[in-house]
Amino acid sequence: IVASTSSGLSNRLVGQVGEFLVCAELGRRGLIATPFSGNVPGFDVIATNSAMRSVPLQVKTANGGAWQFTADKLLDIEFDPMTGVQVVKGVRDATFPDLIYIFVLLGRERGRDRFFLLPKKSFLEVAHAHYAGYLERHGGRRPQKPETMHMGLRAEDFEPYEDRWDVIESALSAGA
């Protein structure tokens, strides 16, 4: 995908490509998958097995580089405006901890896409470790803009979760 991600249309297109790639991969694995193109709050795709069990999936797609987040939407962060120091107190949103996140990194060529699958609670742990580690390396103060809470997560942050399609199978078989 060579689309620029600077416009909203391109961001939506990148997201749509990621959702359809996930659906295609799930189909190859014998599951029925349907994307909702942003029309359902909280998840993007639903996957169903032959026993009619379903699991919702949240898909985040990056067109190279990193997935971008605002850290204080994920983490409980205390900011002291006098010193510019940020302290991560923990995760902010622990609702639906078993919701499965799929991070799609679009490849430069067809077939070179990468998929990282993990439950939301694990995603929040990754975000916490990344952001708290960054702050620790800088004495709790972001070097350029102390007040910003921008965070980018890269494929390296998710490597233990690459191609973990078994996470979906486990979720579908839970309670069987």
C-alpha atoms as a PDB file:
ATOM      1  CA  ILE A   1       0.000   0.000   0.000  1.00  0.00           C
ATOM      2  CA  VAL A   2       1.485   3.296  -0.996  1.00  0.00           C
ATOM      3  CA  ALA A   3      -1.396   5.466   0.203  1.00  0.00           C
ATOM      4  CA  SER A   4      -0.368   8.405   2.337  1.00  0.00           C
ATOM      5  CA  THR A   5      -1.649   8.259   5.898  1.00  0.00           C
ATOM      6  CA  SER A   6      -1.785  12.034   6.276  1.00  0.00           C
ATOM      7  CA  SER A   7      -5.455  12.325   5.284  1.00  0.00           C
ATOM      8  CA  GLY A   8      -8.497  10.833   6.961  1.00  0.00           C
ATOM      9  CA  LEU A   9      -9.487   9.055   3.762  1.00  0.00           C
ATOM     10  CA  SER A  10      -6.119   7.347   3.530  1.00  0.00           C
ATOM     11  CA  ASN A  11      -6.255   6.337   7.195  1.00  0.00           C
ATOM     12  CA  ARG A  12      -9.692   4.807   6.635  1.00  0.00           C
ATOM     13  CA  LEU A  13      -8.436   3.019   3.536  1.00  0.00           C
ATOM     14  CA  VAL A  14      -5.437   1.602   5.406  1.00  0.00           C
ATOM     15  CA  GLY A  15      -7.771   0.431   8.192  1.00  0.00           C
ATOM     16  CA  GLN A  16     -10.134  -1.169   5.710  1.00  0.00           C
ATOM     17  CA  VAL A  17      -7.292  -3.025   3.988  1.00  0.00           C
ATOM     18  CA  GLY A  18      -6.166  -4.379   7.362  1.00  0.00           C
ATOM     19  CA  GLU A  19      -9.662  -5.591   8.240  1.00  0.00           C
ATOM     20  CA  PHE A  20     -10.050  -7.382   4.922  1.00  0.00           C
ATOM     21  CA  LEU A  21      -6.599  -8.970   5.233  1.00  0.00           C
ATOM     22  CA  VAL A  22      -7.595 -10.314   8.649  1.00  0.00           C
ATOM     23  CA  CYS A  23     -10.867 -11.671   7.224  1.00  0.00           C
ATOM     24  CA  ALA A  24      -9.017 -13.342   4.350  1.00  0.00           C
ATOM     25  CA  GLU A  25      -6.515 -14.979   6.700  1.00  0.00           C
ATOM     26  CA  LEU A  26      -9.281 -16.206   8.991  1.00  0.00           C
ATOM     27  CA  GLY A  27     -11.086 -17.647   5.964  1.00  0.00           C
ATOM     28  CA  ARG A  28      -7.925 -19.540   5.024  1.00  0.00           C
ATOM     29  CA  ARG A  29      -7.974 -20.961   8.528  1.00  0.00           C
ATOM     30  CA  GLY A  30     -11.545 -22.233   8.175  1.00  0.00           C
ATOM     31  CA  LEU A  31     -13.360 -19.453  10.010  1.00  0.00           C
ATOM     32  CA  ILE A  32     -16.108 -17.165   8.793  1.00  0.00           C
ATOM     33  CA  ALA A  33     -15.122 -13.540   9.334  1.00  0.00           C
ATOM     34  CA  THR A  34     -17.002 -10.340   8.644  1.00  0.00           C
ATOM     35  CA  PRO A  35     -15.669  -6.767   8.851  1.00  0.00           C
ATOM     36  CA  PHE A  36     -17.921  -3.975  10.078  1.00  0.00           C
ATOM     37  CA  SER A  37     -15.926  -1.030   8.663  1.00  0.00           C
ATOM     38  CA  GLY A  38     -16.147   1.079  11.802  1.00  0.00           C
ATOM     39  CA  ASN A  39     -19.904   0.686  12.160  1.00  0.00           C
ATOM     40  CA  VAL A  40     -19.791  -1.231  15.463  1.00  0.00           C
ATOM     41  CA  PRO A  41     -18.320   0.421  18.562  1.00  0.00           C
ATOM     42  CA  GLY A  42     -15.608  -1.638  20.240  1.00  0.00           C
ATOM     43  CA  PHE A  43     -14.678  -4.109  17.519  1.00  0.00           C
ATOM     44  CA  ASP A  44     -14.022  -4.272  13.779  1.00  0.00           C
ATOM     45  CA  VAL A  45     -14.391  -7.929  12.769  1.00  0.00           C
ATOM     46  CA  ILE A  46     -16.321 -10.894  14.099  1.00  0.00           C
ATOM     47  CA  ALA A  47     -14.997 -14.431  13.566  1.00  0.00           C
ATOM     48  CA  THR A  48     -17.200 -17.522  13.778  1.00  0.00           C
ATOM     49  CA  ASN A  49     -16.296 -21.204  13.767  1.00  0.00           C
ATOM     50  CA  SER A  50     -18.296 -24.201  12.495  1.00  0.00           C
ATOM     51  CA  ALA A  51     -19.843 -24.676  15.965  1.00  0.00           C
ATOM     52  CA  MET A  52     -21.360 -21.151  15.618  1.00  0.00           C
ATOM     53  CA  ARG A  53     -19.183 -19.689  18.369  1.00  0.00           C
ATOM     54  CA  SER A  54     -18.086 -16.136  17.701  1.00  0.00           C
ATOM     55  CA  VAL A  55     -15.390 -13.797  18.903  1.00  0.00           C
ATOM     56  CA  PRO A  56     -15.078 -10.033  18.298  1.00  0.00           C
ATOM     57  CA  LEU A  57     -11.744  -8.676  17.056  1.00  0.00           C
ATOM     58  CA  GLN A  58     -10.264  -5.193  17.183  1.00  0.00           C
ATOM     59  CA  VAL A  59      -8.006  -4.529  14.184  1.00  0.00           C
ATOM     60  CA  LYS A  60      -5.315  -1.832  14.161  1.00  0.00           C
ATOM     61  CA  THR A  61      -3.406  -1.343  10.925  1.00  0.00           C
ATOM     62  CA  ALA A  62      -0.146   0.499  10.248  1.00  0.00           C
ATOM     63  CA  ASN A  63       1.191   1.305   6.817  1.00  0.00           C
ATOM     64  CA  GLY A  64       4.816   0.771   7.791  1.00  0.00           C
ATOM     65  CA  GLY A  65       6.405   2.354  10.807  1.00  0.00           C
ATOM     66  CA  ALA A  66       4.334   2.258  13.960  1.00  0.00           C
ATOM     67  CA  TRP A  67       0.836   2.179  15.373  1.00  0.00           C
ATOM     68  CA  GLN A  68       0.081   5.579  16.888  1.00  0.00           C
ATOM     69  CA  PHE A  69      -1.699   6.107  20.212  1.00  0.00           C
ATOM     70  CA  THR A  70      -2.322   8.748  22.828  1.00  0.00           C
ATOM     71  CA  ALA A  71      -0.881   7.125  25.944  1.00  0.00           C
ATOM     72  CA  ASP A  72      -3.304   8.680  28.430  1.00  0.00           C
ATOM     73  CA  LYS A  73      -6.230   7.031  26.639  1.00  0.00           C
ATOM     74  CA  LEU A  74      -4.686   3.650  27.478  1.00  0.00           C
ATOM     75  CA  LEU A  75      -2.765   4.391  30.661  1.00  0.00           C
ATOM     76  CA  ASP A  76      -3.386   6.224  33.910  1.00  0.00           C
ATOM     77  CA  ILE A  77      -0.735   8.955  33.731  1.00  0.00           C
ATOM     78  CA  GLU A  78      -0.065  11.626  36.311  1.00  0.00           C
ATOM     79  CA  PHE A  79       1.492  14.791  34.860  1.00  0.00           C
ATOM     80  CA  ASP A  80       3.122  17.533  36.931  1.00  0.00           C
ATOM     81  CA  PRO A  81       3.017  20.732  34.827  1.00  0.00           C
ATOM     82  CA  MET A  82       5.565  22.431  37.084  1.00  0.00           C
ATOM     83  CA  THR A  83       8.309  19.853  36.525  1.00  0.00           C
ATOM     84  CA  GLY A  84       7.049  18.332  33.255  1.00  0.00           C
ATOM     85  CA  VAL A  85       7.335  14.875  34.804  1.00  0.00           C
ATOM     86  CA  GLN A  86       4.920  12.089  33.845  1.00  0.00           C
ATOM     87  CA  VAL A  87       4.336   9.028  36.024  1.00  0.00           C
ATOM     88  CA  VAL A  88       2.485   5.973  34.716  1.00  0.00           C
ATOM     89  CA  LYS A  89       0.220   4.689  37.491  1.00  0.00           C
ATOM     90  CA  GLY A  90      -1.237   1.739  35.563  1.00  0.00           C
ATOM     91  CA  VAL A  91      -3.640   0.929  32.760  1.00  0.00           C
ATOM     92  CA  ARG A  92      -6.747   3.036  32.236  1.00  0.00           C
ATOM     93  CA  ASP A  93      -9.286   0.853  30.465  1.00  0.00           C
ATOM     94  CA  ALA A  94      -9.499  -2.723  31.679  1.00  0.00           C
ATOM     95  CA  THR A  95     -12.979  -3.382  30.259  1.00  0.00           C
ATOM     96  CA  PHE A  96     -13.233  -6.413  27.984  1.00  0.00           C
ATOM     97  CA  PRO A  97      -9.701  -7.639  28.837  1.00  0.00           C
ATOM     98  CA  ASP A  98     -10.123 -10.699  26.599  1.00  0.00           C
ATOM     99  CA  LEU A  99     -11.084  -8.717  23.478  1.00  0.00           C
ATOM    100  CA  ILE A 100      -8.587  -9.841  20.862  1.00  0.00           C
ATOM    101  CA  TYR A 101      -6.500  -7.177  19.175  1.00  0.00           C
ATOM    102  CA  ILE A 102      -4.918  -7.854  15.801  1.00  0.00           C
ATOM    103  CA  PHE A 103      -2.169  -5.453  14.791  1.00  0.00           C
ATOM    104  CA  VAL A 104      -1.595  -5.563  11.042  1.00  0.00           C
ATOM    105  CA  LEU A 105       1.615  -4.194   9.578  1.00  0.00           C
ATOM    106  CA  LEU A 106       1.102  -3.729   5.857  1.00  0.00           C
ATOM    107  CA  GLY A 107       3.986  -4.973   3.766  1.00  0.00           C
ATOM    108  CA  ARG A 108       5.513  -3.016   0.923  1.00  0.00           C
ATOM    109  CA  GLU A 109       4.567  -5.911  -1.374  1.00  0.00           C
ATOM    110  CA  ARG A 110       1.539  -8.159  -1.472  1.00  0.00           C
ATOM    111  CA  GLY A 111       1.937 -11.145   0.818  1.00  0.00           C
ATOM    112  CA  ARG A 112       4.476  -9.407   3.069  1.00  0.00           C
ATOM    113  CA  ASP A 113       1.935  -8.299   5.668  1.00  0.00           C
ATOM    114  CA  ARG A 114       2.538  -9.165   9.316  1.00  0.00           C
ATOM    115  CA  PHE A 115      -0.059  -9.987  11.955  1.00  0.00           C
ATOM    116  CA  PHE A 116       0.250  -9.725  15.737  1.00  0.00           C
ATOM    117  CA  LEU A 117      -2.583 -11.184  17.833  1.00  0.00           C
ATOM    118  CA  LEU A 118      -3.078 -10.661  21.555  1.00  0.00           C
ATOM    119  CA  PRO A 119      -5.799 -10.114  24.141  1.00  0.00           C
ATOM    120  CA  LYS A 120      -6.484  -6.524  25.163  1.00  0.00           C
ATOM    121  CA  LYS A 121      -4.973  -7.089  28.616  1.00  0.00           C
ATOM    122  CA  SER A 122      -1.683  -8.113  26.957  1.00  0.00           C
ATOM    123  CA  PHE A 123      -1.840  -5.108  24.608  1.00  0.00           C
ATOM    124  CA  LEU A 124      -2.249  -2.801  27.609  1.00  0.00           C
ATOM    125  CA  GLU A 125       0.730  -4.491  29.287  1.00  0.00           C
ATOM    126  CA  VAL A 126       2.834  -3.893  26.165  1.00  0.00           C
ATOM    127  CA  ALA A 127       1.726  -0.241  26.037  1.00  0.00           C
ATOM    128  CA  HIS A 128       2.469   0.191  29.753  1.00  0.00           C
ATOM    129  CA  ALA A 129       5.943  -1.368  29.513  1.00  0.00           C
ATOM    130  CA  HIS A 130       6.808   0.660  26.402  1.00  0.00           C
ATOM    131  CA  TYR A 131       5.667   4.046  27.684  1.00  0.00           C
ATOM    132  CA  ALA A 132       6.898   3.596  31.265  1.00  0.00           C
ATOM    133  CA  GLY A 133      10.255   2.404  29.892  1.00  0.00           C
ATOM    134  CA  TYR A 134      10.504   5.447  27.632  1.00  0.00           C
ATOM    135  CA  LEU A 135       9.779   7.780  30.533  1.00  0.00           C
ATOM    136  CA  GLU A 136      12.265   5.965  32.765  1.00  0.00           C
ATOM    137  CA  ARG A 137      15.038   6.402  30.180  1.00  0.00           C
ATOM    138  CA  HIS A 138      14.304  10.160  30.183  1.00  0.00           C
ATOM    139  CA  GLY A 139      13.899  10.735  33.907  1.00  0.00           C
ATOM    140  CA  GLY A 140      10.101  10.889  33.639  1.00  0.00           C
ATOM    141  CA  ARG A 141      10.232  13.936  31.371  1.00  0.00           C
ATOM    142  CA  ARG A 142       9.680  13.809  27.635  1.00  0.00           C
ATOM    143  CA  PRO A 143      12.624  15.616  25.985  1.00  0.00           C
ATOM    144  CA  GLN A 144      10.862  17.750  23.355  1.00  0.00           C
ATOM    145  CA  LYS A 145       7.368  18.397  24.717  1.00  0.00           C
ATOM    146  CA  PRO A 146       6.966  17.310  28.333  1.00  0.00           C
ATOM    147  CA  GLU A 147       3.160  17.538  28.168  1.00  0.00           C
ATOM    148  CA  THR A 148       2.666  15.317  25.116  1.00  0.00           C
ATOM    149  CA  MET A 149       1.478  11.768  25.600  1.00  0.00           C
ATOM    150  CA  HIS A 150       1.982  10.534  22.062  1.00  0.00           C
ATOM    151  CA  MET A 151       3.177   6.952  21.778  1.00  0.00           C
ATOM    152  CA  GLY A 152       4.153   4.812  18.814  1.00  0.00           C
ATOM    153  CA  LEU A 153       4.353   1.038  19.104  1.00  0.00           C
ATOM    154  CA  ARG A 154       6.420  -0.877  16.564  1.00  0.00           C
ATOM    155  CA  ALA A 155       6.432  -4.463  15.368  1.00  0.00           C
ATOM    156  CA  GLU A 156       9.340  -5.174  17.740  1.00  0.00           C
ATOM    157  CA  ASP A 157       7.046  -4.381  20.676  1.00  0.00           C
ATOM    158  CA  PHE A 158       4.652  -7.114  19.545  1.00  0.00           C
ATOM    159  CA  GLU A 159       7.102  -9.793  18.308  1.00  0.00           C
ATOM    160  CA  PRO A 160       6.072 -12.456  20.865  1.00  0.00           C
ATOM    161  CA  TYR A 161       2.541 -12.212  19.449  1.00  0.00           C
ATOM    162  CA  GLU A 162       3.349 -12.521  15.753  1.00  0.00           C
ATOM    163  CA  ASP A 163       1.106 -15.004  13.919  1.00  0.00           C
ATOM    164  CA  ARG A 164      -0.515 -16.136  17.170  1.00  0.00           C
ATOM    165  CA  TRP A 165      -3.723 -17.193  15.391  1.00  0.00           C
ATOM    166  CA  ASP A 166      -4.155 -19.797  18.125  1.00  0.00           C
ATOM    167  CA  VAL A 167      -5.392 -16.937  20.357  1.00  0.00           C
ATOM    168  CA  ILE A 168      -8.575 -16.828  18.270  1.00  0.00           C
ATOM    169  CA  GLU A 169      -9.002 -20.613  18.260  1.00  0.00           C
ATOM    170  CA  SER A 170      -8.582 -20.663  22.048  1.00  0.00           C
ATOM    171  CA  ALA A 171     -11.184 -17.923  22.471  1.00  0.00           C
ATOM    172  CA  LEU A 172     -13.613 -19.782  20.209  1.00  0.00           C
ATOM    173  CA  SER A 173     -13.172 -23.052  22.096  1.00  0.00           C
ATOM    174  CA  ALA A 174     -13.444 -21.446  25.565  1.00  0.00           C
ATOM    175  CA  GLY A 175     -16.659 -22.446  27.233  1.00  0.00           C
ATOM    176  CA  ALA A 176     -17.262 -25.238  24.720  1.00  0.00           C
END
